Protein backbone atom coordinates (compact mmCIF):
# COMPACT_ATOMS: atom_id res chain seq x y z
CA UNK A 1 -14.26 -14.03 2.73
CA UNK A 2 -17.90 -13.14 2.83
CA UNK A 3 -19.98 -11.42 5.37
CA UNK A 4 -21.83 -13.32 7.95
CA UNK A 5 -25.67 -13.54 6.64
CA UNK A 6 -26.96 -13.45 9.92
CA UNK A 7 -24.93 -10.19 10.91
CA UNK A 8 -26.01 -8.74 7.36
CA UNK A 9 -29.70 -8.85 8.37
CA UNK A 10 -29.25 -7.52 11.68
CA UNK A 11 -27.61 -4.11 10.31
CA UNK A 12 -30.82 -4.70 7.28
CA UNK A 13 -32.99 -4.43 10.62
CA UNK A 14 -31.76 -1.42 11.96
CA UNK A 15 -34.05 1.64 11.07
CA UNK A 16 -32.33 4.44 13.18
CA UNK A 17 -29.09 5.90 12.38
CA UNK A 18 -28.30 6.17 16.01
CA UNK A 19 -28.70 2.56 17.09
CA UNK A 20 -27.08 1.05 13.44
CA UNK A 21 -23.85 3.76 14.87
CA UNK A 22 -23.69 2.35 18.21
CA UNK A 23 -23.89 -1.25 17.32
CA UNK A 24 -20.86 -0.24 14.78
CA UNK A 25 -19.05 0.72 17.77
CA UNK A 26 -19.84 -1.84 19.40
CA UNK A 27 -18.75 -4.54 17.18
CA UNK A 28 -15.76 -2.65 15.54
CA UNK A 29 -12.57 -1.13 16.81
CA UNK A 30 -12.21 2.75 16.36
CA UNK A 31 -9.34 1.78 13.93
CA UNK A 32 -11.56 -0.47 11.88
CA UNK A 33 -14.41 2.44 12.00
CA UNK A 34 -11.46 4.74 10.73
CA UNK A 35 -10.68 2.20 7.71
CA UNK A 36 -14.42 2.28 6.68
CA UNK A 37 -15.10 6.11 6.82
CA UNK A 38 -12.01 6.66 4.96
CA UNK A 39 -12.91 4.21 2.19
CA UNK A 40 -16.07 5.35 1.81
CA UNK A 41 -14.66 9.09 1.73
CA UNK A 42 -11.87 8.06 -1.06
CA UNK A 43 -14.00 6.61 -3.02
CA UNK A 44 -16.43 9.42 -2.97
CA UNK A 45 -13.38 11.84 -3.87
CA UNK A 46 -12.37 9.45 -6.40
CA UNK A 47 -15.83 9.59 -8.01
CA UNK A 48 -16.07 13.27 -7.97
CA UNK A 49 -13.06 13.34 -10.11
CA UNK A 50 -9.92 13.61 -7.89
CA UNK A 51 -7.25 12.19 -8.84
CA UNK A 52 -5.49 9.35 -6.85
CA UNK A 53 -1.88 11.20 -5.84
CA UNK A 54 -4.64 14.20 -4.85
CA UNK A 55 -6.79 11.77 -2.39
CA UNK A 56 -3.60 10.51 -1.08
CA UNK A 57 -1.95 13.56 -0.14
CA UNK A 58 -5.54 14.55 1.00
CA UNK A 59 -5.56 12.07 3.63
CA UNK A 60 -1.94 11.18 4.03
CA UNK A 61 -2.22 7.16 2.56
CA UNK A 62 -0.70 5.48 0.05
CA UNK A 63 -1.89 4.79 -3.50
CA UNK A 64 -2.49 1.22 -3.13
CA UNK A 65 -4.89 1.75 -0.29
CA UNK A 66 -6.92 3.94 -3.34
CA UNK A 67 -6.63 1.71 -6.26
CA UNK A 68 -8.47 -0.70 -5.01
CA UNK A 69 -11.63 1.80 -4.81
CA UNK A 70 -10.83 2.63 -8.34
CA UNK A 71 -10.82 -0.76 -9.54
CA UNK A 72 -14.36 -0.77 -7.84
CA UNK A 73 -15.64 2.01 -9.33
CA UNK A 74 -14.43 1.65 -12.41
CA UNK A 75 -16.97 -1.62 -13.06
CA UNK A 76 -20.24 0.43 -14.12
CA UNK A 77 -22.04 -2.88 -12.56
CA UNK A 78 -20.55 -2.19 -8.95
CA UNK A 79 -23.06 -1.50 -6.43
CA UNK A 80 -20.79 1.42 -5.09
CA UNK A 81 -20.78 3.28 -8.82
CA UNK A 82 -24.51 2.82 -8.86
CA UNK A 83 -25.03 4.14 -5.36
CA UNK A 84 -22.81 7.15 -5.80
CA UNK A 85 -24.66 7.85 -9.23
CA UNK A 86 -27.90 7.84 -8.12
C-alpha cells in the first residue's frame, strides 16, 4: 500500500510546523502519532549505534518492532539513511 498522492501534496504544502502538527493531530489518533514518533526515535537510536536490545529496553518494545528500522538503515540508498546522515 502506498500513501495517497493527494495527502502527500497536502503535507508537502504546509509551511508551518504548527499547522503540520495540528493537521497530524486532526487525522491521526494519539496511538498512531505515538507509533510514528516511536518509529522515528528508534531509527535515530539505531543510527547512533544503540543496540536493538538497548532500544527495546529503553522504550519497552519488542525486538520485532526494531528490526524493520534496522533493515531500512542497512540500505545505504534508503531516504531515512540519507536524512540521518545529513
